Amino acid sequence: MDLNGRTAIVTGAGSGIGRGLAVEFAHAGANVVCCGRTEQKIRETVGMIEKEGGTAHAVKADVTDSAQVQKMVNTTLKRFGHIDLLFNNAGSFKYVGPVWEADPDIWWKDVTINLLGSMLCCRKVLPHMMKKDAGIIINMDGGGGSNGPNPGGSAYGCSKAAILRFTEGLARELEDVGSAVLVFCMMPGFVRTSITKYLIGTPEREKWQPHVRELMGSDAELPADACAKATMKLLRIVSPELNGRIFYVDTDYNRIEKNKHKIRKEDLYTMHLLTLDGKLGPWPVVGK
């Protein structure tokens, strides 16, 4: 997808990875709708884009509120006339600790923002995308999704794992009705953000997330715009063969493009449960 003249919605665009995505999309010529719960922060992102000659608009929205998400979509359509790309970046990682000590309300709020928020945004943009039979949705993976369990971060981890399966299921649903809308998942790698700094903000939290301290300042730490640059590489090669797949910030996208038929045929870059025989479990595989 060439973003020049297209319209992209980025949730959680007020800082960190979301801001990096918004700025990068604007550099590529997109009209960018910057969404978030803190109006000052998203306006700062818009200001950065406009200062460089780009086009952006700030929309304050809580992704867990259906009415606010609908307003976000309506505002985008009224201002720009179309929605071509949705990047569900907004996320939460507030509960840190073991399950047996968890405050259920805080634990569930992480899941709600990460999973329900992504679902509501997809649900509200899809009627428009499906009507014009074009569009791309990218959902954010993270610790505990494709890279395994997240001890001490079970709410965040399980919600991200659910987003992977949600992405795969949504892609299959769209294919089943003959829609050309494509859905992907992106793993951003480790970035120093307000979320990652929060994880080691107290000794109690750092006890359960010690790897965060180890990653900070290491070769594994990435700049905030790394995910955006990887997303641009993905957008250049998107095709139906890759629909529903999980990709990484350091993926070799030229290799992906050359092997897209193999990826589709062998069902690669998806979430699997393997047995000792190297196959899926003995139960029937749904949707095959």
C-alpha atoms as a PDB file:
ATOM      1  CA  MET A   1       0.000   0.000   0.000  1.00  0.00           C
ATOM      2  CA  ASP A   2       1.282   3.432  -0.984  1.00  0.00           C
ATOM      3  CA  LEU A   3       0.245   5.777   1.837  1.00  0.00           C
ATOM      4  CA  ASN A   4       0.407   8.944  -0.216  1.00  0.00           C
ATOM      5  CA  GLY A   5      -3.059  10.501  -0.087  1.00  0.00           C
ATOM      6  CA  ARG A   6      -4.402   7.691   2.106  1.00  0.00           C
ATOM      7  CA  THR A   7      -5.920   8.088   5.559  1.00  0.00           C
ATOM      8  CA  ALA A   8      -4.519   6.249   8.566  1.00  0.00           C
ATOM      9  CA  ILE A   9      -5.882   6.017  12.103  1.00  0.00           C
ATOM     10  CA  VAL A  10      -3.346   5.386  14.873  1.00  0.00           C
ATOM     11  CA  THR A  11      -4.601   4.705  18.393  1.00  0.00           C
ATOM     12  CA  GLY A  12      -2.353   5.497  21.336  1.00  0.00           C
ATOM     13  CA  ALA A  13      -0.655   8.121  19.159  1.00  0.00           C
ATOM     14  CA  GLY A  14       0.284  10.471  21.986  1.00  0.00           C
ATOM     15  CA  SER A  15       3.728   9.060  22.694  1.00  0.00           C
ATOM     16  CA  GLY A  16       6.235   6.286  22.120  1.00  0.00           C
ATOM     17  CA  ILE A  17       5.559   3.744  19.399  1.00  0.00           C
ATOM     18  CA  GLY A  18       2.189   5.288  18.505  1.00  0.00           C
ATOM     19  CA  ARG A  19       3.743   8.697  17.941  1.00  0.00           C
ATOM     20  CA  GLY A  20       6.458   7.081  15.840  1.00  0.00           C
ATOM     21  CA  LEU A  21       3.826   5.375  13.694  1.00  0.00           C
ATOM     22  CA  ALA A  22       1.841   8.580  13.193  1.00  0.00           C
ATOM     23  CA  VAL A  23       4.887  10.609  12.198  1.00  0.00           C
ATOM     24  CA  GLU A  24       6.177   7.931   9.816  1.00  0.00           C
ATOM     25  CA  PHE A  25       2.799   7.565   8.097  1.00  0.00           C
ATOM     26  CA  ALA A  26       2.652  11.341   7.671  1.00  0.00           C
ATOM     27  CA  HIS A  27       6.149  11.335   6.161  1.00  0.00           C
ATOM     28  CA  ALA A  28       4.794   8.851   3.598  1.00  0.00           C
ATOM     29  CA  GLY A  29       2.048  11.294   2.634  1.00  0.00           C
ATOM     30  CA  ALA A  30      -0.855   9.939   4.663  1.00  0.00           C
ATOM     31  CA  ASN A  31      -3.528  11.970   6.402  1.00  0.00           C
ATOM     32  CA  VAL A  32      -3.072  10.765   9.970  1.00  0.00           C
ATOM     33  CA  VAL A  33      -5.770  10.717  12.635  1.00  0.00           C
ATOM     34  CA  CYS A  34      -4.030  10.629  16.003  1.00  0.00           C
ATOM     35  CA  CYS A  35      -6.181   9.095  18.716  1.00  0.00           C
ATOM     36  CA  GLY A  36      -5.647   8.815  22.439  1.00  0.00           C
ATOM     37  CA  ARG A  37      -7.126   9.508  25.845  1.00  0.00           C
ATOM     38  CA  THR A  38      -4.897  12.485  26.635  1.00  0.00           C
ATOM     39  CA  GLU A  39      -5.715  15.370  24.334  1.00  0.00           C
ATOM     40  CA  GLN A  40      -2.548  17.339  25.043  1.00  0.00           C
ATOM     41  CA  LYS A  41      -0.324  14.449  23.988  1.00  0.00           C
ATOM     42  CA  ILE A  42      -2.102  13.700  20.721  1.00  0.00           C
ATOM     43  CA  ARG A  43      -2.140  17.401  19.873  1.00  0.00           C
ATOM     44  CA  GLU A  44       1.630  17.416  20.417  1.00  0.00           C
ATOM     45  CA  THR A  45       1.931  14.586  17.893  1.00  0.00           C
ATOM     46  CA  VAL A  46      -0.245  16.484  15.430  1.00  0.00           C
ATOM     47  CA  GLY A  47       1.912  19.574  15.965  1.00  0.00           C
ATOM     48  CA  MET A  48       5.054  17.608  15.144  1.00  0.00           C
ATOM     49  CA  ILE A  49       3.503  16.336  11.931  1.00  0.00           C
ATOM     50  CA  GLU A  50       2.182  19.710  10.838  1.00  0.00           C
ATOM     51  CA  LYS A  51       5.517  21.385  11.584  1.00  0.00           C
ATOM     52  CA  GLU A  52       7.078  19.087   8.992  1.00  0.00           C
ATOM     53  CA  GLY A  53       4.371  19.844   6.439  1.00  0.00           C
ATOM     54  CA  GLY A  54       2.219  16.786   7.038  1.00  0.00           C
ATOM     55  CA  THR A  55      -1.521  16.487   7.560  1.00  0.00           C
ATOM     56  CA  ALA A  56      -2.923  15.226  10.848  1.00  0.00           C
ATOM     57  CA  HIS A  57      -5.916  15.580  13.111  1.00  0.00           C
ATOM     58  CA  ALA A  58      -6.292  14.836  16.819  1.00  0.00           C
ATOM     59  CA  VAL A  59      -9.289  12.906  18.134  1.00  0.00           C
ATOM     60  CA  LYS A  60      -9.612  12.257  21.847  1.00  0.00           C
ATOM     61  CA  ALA A  61     -11.045   8.768  22.295  1.00  0.00           C
ATOM     62  CA  ASP A  62     -11.113   5.912  24.786  1.00  0.00           C
ATOM     63  CA  VAL A  63     -10.897   2.753  22.685  1.00  0.00           C
ATOM     64  CA  THR A  64     -12.938   0.797  25.238  1.00  0.00           C
ATOM     65  CA  ASP A  65     -15.931   3.107  24.752  1.00  0.00           C
ATOM     66  CA  SER A  66     -17.964   2.102  21.706  1.00  0.00           C
ATOM     67  CA  ALA A  67     -19.550   5.537  21.300  1.00  0.00           C
ATOM     68  CA  GLN A  68     -16.180   7.299  21.411  1.00  0.00           C
ATOM     69  CA  VAL A  69     -14.715   4.876  18.876  1.00  0.00           C
ATOM     70  CA  GLN A  70     -17.678   5.502  16.573  1.00  0.00           C
ATOM     71  CA  LYS A  71     -17.122   9.253  16.952  1.00  0.00           C
ATOM     72  CA  MET A  72     -13.458   8.727  16.039  1.00  0.00           C
ATOM     73  CA  VAL A  73     -14.479   6.936  12.844  1.00  0.00           C
ATOM     74  CA  ASN A  74     -17.192   9.486  11.983  1.00  0.00           C
ATOM     75  CA  THR A  75     -14.795  12.385  12.521  1.00  0.00           C
ATOM     76  CA  THR A  76     -12.193  10.740  10.286  1.00  0.00           C
ATOM     77  CA  LEU A  77     -14.679  10.148   7.485  1.00  0.00           C
ATOM     78  CA  LYS A  78     -16.099  13.653   7.738  1.00  0.00           C
ATOM     79  CA  ARG A  79     -12.646  15.244   7.582  1.00  0.00           C
ATOM     80  CA  PHE A  80     -10.884  12.996   5.052  1.00  0.00           C
ATOM     81  CA  GLY A  81     -13.645  10.983   3.374  1.00  0.00           C
ATOM     82  CA  HIS A  82     -12.059   7.552   3.680  1.00  0.00           C
ATOM     83  CA  ILE A  83     -10.125   5.228   6.007  1.00  0.00           C
ATOM     84  CA  ASP A  84      -7.411   3.085   4.447  1.00  0.00           C
ATOM     85  CA  LEU A  85      -5.297   1.964   7.402  1.00  0.00           C
ATOM     86  CA  LEU A  86      -6.023   1.304  11.073  1.00  0.00           C
ATOM     87  CA  PHE A  87      -3.169   0.594  13.461  1.00  0.00           C
ATOM     88  CA  ASN A  88      -4.452  -0.604  16.840  1.00  0.00           C
ATOM     89  CA  ASN A  89      -1.549   0.504  19.005  1.00  0.00           C
ATOM     90  CA  ALA A  90      -3.292   1.651  22.219  1.00  0.00           C
ATOM     91  CA  GLY A  91      -2.409  -0.628  25.106  1.00  0.00           C
ATOM     92  CA  SER A  92      -2.179  -1.017  28.871  1.00  0.00           C
ATOM     93  CA  PHE A  93       0.154  -2.904  31.224  1.00  0.00           C
ATOM     94  CA  LYS A  94      -0.787  -1.807  34.722  1.00  0.00           C
ATOM     95  CA  TYR A  95      -1.010  -5.040  36.681  1.00  0.00           C
ATOM     96  CA  VAL A  96       2.368  -6.509  37.557  1.00  0.00           C
ATOM     97  CA  GLY A  97       2.570  -9.465  39.925  1.00  0.00           C
ATOM     98  CA  PRO A  98       1.363 -13.028  40.332  1.00  0.00           C
ATOM     99  CA  VAL A  99      -2.215 -14.018  39.580  1.00  0.00           C
ATOM    100  CA  TRP A 100      -2.930 -14.946  43.202  1.00  0.00           C
ATOM    101  CA  GLU A 101      -2.250 -11.363  44.301  1.00  0.00           C
ATOM    102  CA  ALA A 102      -3.996  -9.617  41.419  1.00  0.00           C
ATOM    103  CA  ASP A 103      -6.614  -6.944  41.836  1.00  0.00           C
ATOM    104  CA  PRO A 104      -9.242  -8.332  39.427  1.00  0.00           C
ATOM    105  CA  ASP A 105     -10.378  -4.864  38.332  1.00  0.00           C
ATOM    106  CA  ILE A 106      -6.874  -3.692  37.383  1.00  0.00           C
ATOM    107  CA  TRP A 107      -6.112  -7.065  35.775  1.00  0.00           C
ATOM    108  CA  TRP A 108      -9.283  -6.953  33.681  1.00  0.00           C
ATOM    109  CA  LYS A 109      -8.755  -3.330  32.668  1.00  0.00           C
ATOM    110  CA  ASP A 110      -5.480  -4.327  30.955  1.00  0.00           C
ATOM    111  CA  VAL A 111      -7.334  -7.014  29.013  1.00  0.00           C
ATOM    112  CA  THR A 112     -10.184  -4.647  28.191  1.00  0.00           C
ATOM    113  CA  ILE A 113      -7.956  -1.917  26.756  1.00  0.00           C
ATOM    114  CA  ASN A 114      -5.721  -4.290  24.825  1.00  0.00           C
ATOM    115  CA  LEU A 115      -8.293  -6.739  23.473  1.00  0.00           C
ATOM    116  CA  LEU A 116     -11.725  -5.100  23.560  1.00  0.00           C
ATOM    117  CA  GLY A 117     -10.196  -1.805  22.426  1.00  0.00           C
ATOM    118  CA  SER A 118      -8.711  -3.450  19.340  1.00  0.00           C
ATOM    119  CA  MET A 119     -11.954  -5.298  18.625  1.00  0.00           C
ATOM    120  CA  LEU A 120     -14.104  -2.151  18.872  1.00  0.00           C
ATOM    121  CA  CYS A 121     -11.833  -0.184  16.556  1.00  0.00           C
ATOM    122  CA  CYS A 122     -11.886  -3.013  14.014  1.00  0.00           C
ATOM    123  CA  ARG A 123     -15.649  -3.344  14.289  1.00  0.00           C
ATOM    124  CA  LYS A 124     -16.215   0.361  13.674  1.00  0.00           C
ATOM    125  CA  VAL A 125     -13.887   0.783  10.678  1.00  0.00           C
ATOM    126  CA  LEU A 126     -14.740  -2.496   8.943  1.00  0.00           C
ATOM    127  CA  PRO A 127     -18.143  -1.493   7.522  1.00  0.00           C
ATOM    128  CA  HIS A 128     -16.431   1.372   5.665  1.00  0.00           C
ATOM    129  CA  MET A 129     -13.463  -0.732   4.528  1.00  0.00           C
ATOM    130  CA  MET A 130     -15.669  -3.624   3.457  1.00  0.00           C
ATOM    131  CA  LYS A 131     -17.979  -1.332   1.512  1.00  0.00           C
ATOM    132  CA  LYS A 132     -15.092  -0.021  -0.571  1.00  0.00           C
ATOM    133  CA  ASP A 133     -13.483  -3.497  -0.516  1.00  0.00           C
ATOM    134  CA  ALA A 134     -10.084  -2.192   0.489  1.00  0.00           C
ATOM    135  CA  GLY A 135      -8.153  -1.448   3.642  1.00  0.00           C
ATOM    136  CA  ILE A 136      -5.530  -2.738   6.033  1.00  0.00           C
ATOM    137  CA  ILE A 137      -5.754  -3.296   9.794  1.00  0.00           C
ATOM    138  CA  ILE A 138      -2.669  -3.914  11.918  1.00  0.00           C
ATOM    139  CA  ASN A 139      -2.984  -5.061  15.530  1.00  0.00           C
ATOM    140  CA  MET A 140      -0.148  -4.732  18.021  1.00  0.00           C
ATOM    141  CA  ASP A 141       1.449  -7.844  19.468  1.00  0.00           C
ATOM    142  CA  GLY A 142       3.643  -7.570  22.549  1.00  0.00           C
ATOM    143  CA  GLY A 143       5.194  -9.467  25.434  1.00  0.00           C
ATOM    144  CA  GLY A 144       3.214 -12.637  26.024  1.00  0.00           C
ATOM    145  CA  GLY A 145       1.753 -12.827  22.535  1.00  0.00           C
ATOM    146  CA  SER A 146       3.820 -14.627  19.930  1.00  0.00           C
ATOM    147  CA  ASN A 147       6.960 -14.692  22.073  1.00  0.00           C
ATOM    148  CA  GLY A 148       5.594 -16.818  24.925  1.00  0.00           C
ATOM    149  CA  PRO A 149       4.257 -16.397  28.467  1.00  0.00           C
ATOM    150  CA  ASN A 150       4.782 -13.263  30.554  1.00  0.00           C
ATOM    151  CA  PRO A 151       5.205 -14.240  34.234  1.00  0.00           C
ATOM    152  CA  GLY A 152       4.029 -11.398  36.404  1.00  0.00           C
ATOM    153  CA  GLY A 153       2.265  -9.846  33.454  1.00  0.00           C
ATOM    154  CA  SER A 154      -0.521 -12.345  32.878  1.00  0.00           C
ATOM    155  CA  ALA A 155      -3.201  -9.787  31.983  1.00  0.00           C
ATOM    156  CA  TYR A 156      -1.046  -8.091  29.367  1.00  0.00           C
ATOM    157  CA  GLY A 157       0.361 -11.383  28.124  1.00  0.00           C
ATOM    158  CA  CYS A 158      -2.895 -13.244  27.677  1.00  0.00           C
ATOM    159  CA  SER A 159      -4.572 -10.230  26.049  1.00  0.00           C
ATOM    160  CA  LYS A 160      -1.763 -10.024  23.499  1.00  0.00           C
ATOM    161  CA  ALA A 161      -1.974 -13.755  22.806  1.00  0.00           C
ATOM    162  CA  ALA A 162      -5.706 -13.279  22.276  1.00  0.00           C
ATOM    163  CA  ILE A 163      -5.017 -10.460  19.813  1.00  0.00           C
ATOM    164  CA  LEU A 164      -2.946 -12.857  17.715  1.00  0.00           C
ATOM    165  CA  ARG A 165      -5.802 -15.334  17.476  1.00  0.00           C
ATOM    166  CA  PHE A 166      -8.283 -12.494  16.982  1.00  0.00           C
ATOM    167  CA  THR A 167      -6.203 -11.268  14.037  1.00  0.00           C
ATOM    168  CA  GLU A 168      -6.094 -14.732  12.471  1.00  0.00           C
ATOM    169  CA  GLY A 169      -9.823 -15.258  12.983  1.00  0.00           C
ATOM    170  CA  LEU A 170     -10.781 -11.859  11.587  1.00  0.00           C
ATOM    171  CA  ALA A 171      -8.612 -12.412   8.524  1.00  0.00           C
ATOM    172  CA  ARG A 172     -10.352 -15.749   7.881  1.00  0.00           C
ATOM    173  CA  GLU A 173     -13.812 -14.206   8.346  1.00  0.00           C
ATOM    174  CA  LEU A 174     -13.033 -11.511   5.788  1.00  0.00           C
ATOM    175  CA  GLU A 175     -11.750 -14.100   3.338  1.00  0.00           C
ATOM    176  CA  ASP A 176     -14.865 -16.216   3.834  1.00  0.00           C
ATOM    177  CA  VAL A 177     -17.100 -13.353   2.692  1.00  0.00           C
ATOM    178  CA  GLY A 178     -14.836 -12.452  -0.221  1.00  0.00           C
ATOM    179  CA  SER A 179     -13.532  -9.196   1.252  1.00  0.00           C
ATOM    180  CA  ALA A 180     -10.193  -7.747   0.102  1.00  0.00           C
ATOM    181  CA  VAL A 181      -9.554  -6.112   3.504  1.00  0.00           C
ATOM    182  CA  LEU A 182      -6.344  -7.490   5.048  1.00  0.00           C
ATOM    183  CA  VAL A 183      -5.411  -7.896   8.715  1.00  0.00           C
ATOM    184  CA  PHE A 184      -1.966  -8.338  10.257  1.00  0.00           C
ATOM    185  CA  CYS A 185      -0.207  -8.367  13.607  1.00  0.00           C
ATOM    186  CA  MET A 186       3.058  -6.548  14.380  1.00  0.00           C
ATOM    187  CA  MET A 187       5.538  -7.368  17.146  1.00  0.00           C
ATOM    188  CA  PRO A 188       7.368  -4.093  17.985  1.00  0.00           C
ATOM    189  CA  GLY A 189      10.337  -5.404  19.933  1.00  0.00           C
ATOM    190  CA  PHE A 190      11.588  -3.705  23.096  1.00  0.00           C
ATOM    191  CA  VAL A 191      11.228   0.079  23.239  1.00  0.00           C
ATOM    192  CA  ARG A 192      11.772   2.396  26.202  1.00  0.00           C
ATOM    193  CA  THR A 193       8.286   3.843  26.722  1.00  0.00           C
ATOM    194  CA  SER A 194       6.146   5.004  29.635  1.00  0.00           C
ATOM    195  CA  ILE A 195       4.848   1.430  29.876  1.00  0.00           C
ATOM    196  CA  THR A 196       8.245  -0.268  30.041  1.00  0.00           C
ATOM    197  CA  LYS A 197       9.574   2.321  32.516  1.00  0.00           C
ATOM    198  CA  TYR A 198       6.491   1.750  34.689  1.00  0.00           C
ATOM    199  CA  LEU A 199       7.276  -1.977  34.847  1.00  0.00           C
ATOM    200  CA  ILE A 200      10.455  -1.312  36.840  1.00  0.00           C
ATOM    201  CA  GLY A 201       9.168   1.738  38.698  1.00  0.00           C
ATOM    202  CA  THR A 202       9.111  -0.066  42.049  1.00  0.00           C
ATOM    203  CA  PRO A 203      11.082  -3.002  43.510  1.00  0.00           C
ATOM    204  CA  GLU A 204       7.870  -5.036  43.638  1.00  0.00           C
ATOM    205  CA  ARG A 205       7.213  -4.581  39.916  1.00  0.00           C
ATOM    206  CA  GLU A 206      10.858  -5.067  38.951  1.00  0.00           C
ATOM    207  CA  LYS A 207      10.873  -8.371  40.834  1.00  0.00           C
ATOM    208  CA  TRP A 208       8.410  -9.717  38.263  1.00  0.00           C
ATOM    209  CA  GLN A 209       9.770  -7.893  35.213  1.00  0.00           C
ATOM    210  CA  PRO A 210      13.584  -8.017  35.697  1.00  0.00           C
ATOM    211  CA  HIS A 211      14.184  -8.524  31.984  1.00  0.00           C
ATOM    212  CA  VAL A 212      13.010  -4.949  31.350  1.00  0.00           C
ATOM    213  CA  ARG A 213      15.983  -3.534  33.271  1.00  0.00           C
ATOM    214  CA  GLU A 214      18.300  -5.911  31.409  1.00  0.00           C
ATOM    215  CA  LEU A 215      16.957  -4.819  28.020  1.00  0.00           C
ATOM    216  CA  MET A 216      17.290  -1.101  28.695  1.00  0.00           C
ATOM    217  CA  GLY A 217      20.532   0.117  27.194  1.00  0.00           C
ATOM    218  CA  SER A 218      21.252  -3.244  25.582  1.00  0.00           C
ATOM    219  CA  ASP A 219      21.572  -3.998  21.867  1.00  0.00           C
ATOM    220  CA  ALA A 220      17.977  -5.254  21.986  1.00  0.00           C
ATOM    221  CA  GLU A 221      16.552  -1.823  22.839  1.00  0.00           C
ATOM    222  CA  LEU A 222      15.014  -0.188  19.786  1.00  0.00           C
ATOM    223  CA  PRO A 223      14.108   3.442  18.992  1.00  0.00           C
ATOM    224  CA  ALA A 224      10.426   4.381  19.142  1.00  0.00           C
ATOM    225  CA  ASP A 225      10.174   4.632  15.356  1.00  0.00           C
ATOM    226  CA  ALA A 226      11.574   1.152  14.643  1.00  0.00           C
ATOM    227  CA  CYS A 227       8.094  -0.369  14.583  1.00  0.00           C
ATOM    228  CA  ALA A 228       6.930   2.344  12.193  1.00  0.00           C
ATOM    229  CA  LYS A 229       9.782   1.680   9.764  1.00  0.00           C
ATOM    230  CA  ALA A 230       9.071  -2.068   9.870  1.00  0.00           C
ATOM    231  CA  THR A 231       5.378  -1.368   9.275  1.00  0.00           C
ATOM    232  CA  MET A 232       6.243   0.629   6.164  1.00  0.00           C
ATOM    233  CA  LYS A 233       8.197  -2.366   4.852  1.00  0.00           C
ATOM    234  CA  LEU A 234       5.213  -4.615   5.539  1.00  0.00           C
ATOM    235  CA  LEU A 235       2.820  -2.234   3.788  1.00  0.00           C
ATOM    236  CA  ARG A 236       4.949  -2.387   0.639  1.00  0.00           C
ATOM    237  CA  ILE A 237       4.520  -6.163   0.323  1.00  0.00           C
ATOM    238  CA  VAL A 238       1.025  -6.829   1.705  1.00  0.00           C
ATOM    239  CA  SER A 239      -0.934  -9.451  -0.229  1.00  0.00           C
ATOM    240  CA  PRO A 240      -3.747 -11.956   0.415  1.00  0.00           C
ATOM    241  CA  GLU A 241      -1.167 -14.742   0.879  1.00  0.00           C
ATOM    242  CA  LEU A 242       0.091 -12.995   4.014  1.00  0.00           C
ATOM    243  CA  ASN A 243      -3.323 -12.211   5.485  1.00  0.00           C
ATOM    244  CA  GLY A 244      -3.674 -12.884   9.213  1.00  0.00           C
ATOM    245  CA  ARG A 245       0.067 -13.326   9.823  1.00  0.00           C
ATOM    246  CA  ILE A 246       2.261 -12.120  12.680  1.00  0.00           C
ATOM    247  CA  PHE A 247       5.333 -10.115  11.729  1.00  0.00           C
ATOM    248  CA  TYR A 248       8.250  -8.694  13.686  1.00  0.00           C
ATOM    249  CA  VAL A 249      10.121  -5.441  13.743  1.00  0.00           C
ATOM    250  CA  ASP A 250      13.302  -7.188  12.569  1.00  0.00           C
ATOM    251  CA  THR A 251      11.660  -9.426   9.950  1.00  0.00           C
ATOM    252  CA  ASP A 252      13.362  -9.638   6.548  1.00  0.00           C
ATOM    253  CA  TYR A 253      10.406  -8.414   4.488  1.00  0.00           C
ATOM    254  CA  ASN A 254      12.125  -9.045   1.158  1.00  0.00           C
ATOM    255  CA  ARG A 255      12.393 -12.688   2.148  1.00  0.00           C
ATOM    256  CA  ILE A 256       8.749 -12.692   3.251  1.00  0.00           C
ATOM    257  CA  GLU A 257       7.660 -11.385  -0.149  1.00  0.00           C
ATOM    258  CA  LYS A 258       9.693 -14.012  -1.998  1.00  0.00           C
ATOM    259  CA  ASN A 259       8.203 -16.812   0.133  1.00  0.00           C
ATOM    260  CA  LYS A 260       4.600 -15.632   0.512  1.00  0.00           C
ATOM    261  CA  HIS A 261       3.149 -18.675  -1.254  1.00  0.00           C
ATOM    262  CA  LYS A 262       5.145 -21.021   0.998  1.00  0.00           C
ATOM    263  CA  ILE A 263       4.016 -19.031   4.054  1.00  0.00           C
ATOM    264  CA  ARG A 264       0.392 -19.461   3.020  1.00  0.00           C
ATOM    265  CA  LYS A 265       0.700 -23.127   2.066  1.00  0.00           C
ATOM    266  CA  GLU A 266       2.516 -24.169   5.241  1.00  0.00           C
ATOM    267  CA  ASP A 267       0.574 -21.781   7.513  1.00  0.00           C
ATOM    268  CA  LEU A 268       3.697 -20.018   8.789  1.00  0.00           C
ATOM    269  CA  TYR A 269       3.846 -16.893  10.971  1.00  0.00           C
ATOM    270  CA  THR A 270       0.750 -17.940  12.912  1.00  0.00           C
ATOM    271  CA  MET A 271       0.156 -19.206  16.447  1.00  0.00           C
ATOM    272  CA  HIS A 272       0.306 -23.007  16.706  1.00  0.00           C
ATOM    273  CA  LEU A 273       0.025 -25.699  19.335  1.00  0.00           C
ATOM    274  CA  LEU A 274       2.426 -28.496  18.402  1.00  0.00           C
ATOM    275  CA  THR A 275       2.452 -32.098  19.626  1.00  0.00           C
ATOM    276  CA  LEU A 276       5.352 -34.532  19.866  1.00  0.00           C
ATOM    277  CA  ASP A 277       4.581 -35.459  16.269  1.00  0.00           C
ATOM    278  CA  GLY A 278       5.103 -31.863  15.212  1.00  0.00           C
ATOM    279  CA  LYS A 279       1.453 -31.486  14.279  1.00  0.00           C
ATOM    280  CA  LEU A 280      -1.609 -29.765  15.622  1.00  0.00           C
ATOM    281  CA  GLY A 281      -3.654 -31.643  18.191  1.00  0.00           C
ATOM    282  CA  PRO A 282      -5.935 -34.546  17.189  1.00  0.00           C
ATOM    283  CA  TRP A 283      -9.108 -32.441  17.227  1.00  0.00           C
ATOM    284  CA  PRO A 284     -10.541 -31.104  13.948  1.00  0.00           C
ATOM    285  CA  VAL A 285      -8.967 -27.817  12.829  1.00  0.00           C
ATOM    286  CA  VAL A 286     -11.723 -25.200  12.667  1.00  0.00           C
ATOM    287  CA  GLY A 287     -12.193 -23.362   9.407  1.00  0.00           C
ATOM    288  CA  LYS A 288      -9.934 -25.487   7.261  1.00  0.00           C
END
